[in-house]
Amino acid sequence: MGPNLVVYPGEKVYNGVTEAQIETIFQRATTK
């Protein structure tokens, strides 16, 4: 739960992940 949010900060995610991937990650993080 918590660790996911820490592992995927907005800036770092943008650095190596596309917006589509970011949305999926955020949705999963929010769901859990």
Foldseek 3Di string as FASTA:
>chain_A
DVVLCVVDDPVVCVVPHDPVVVVVSVVVVVVD
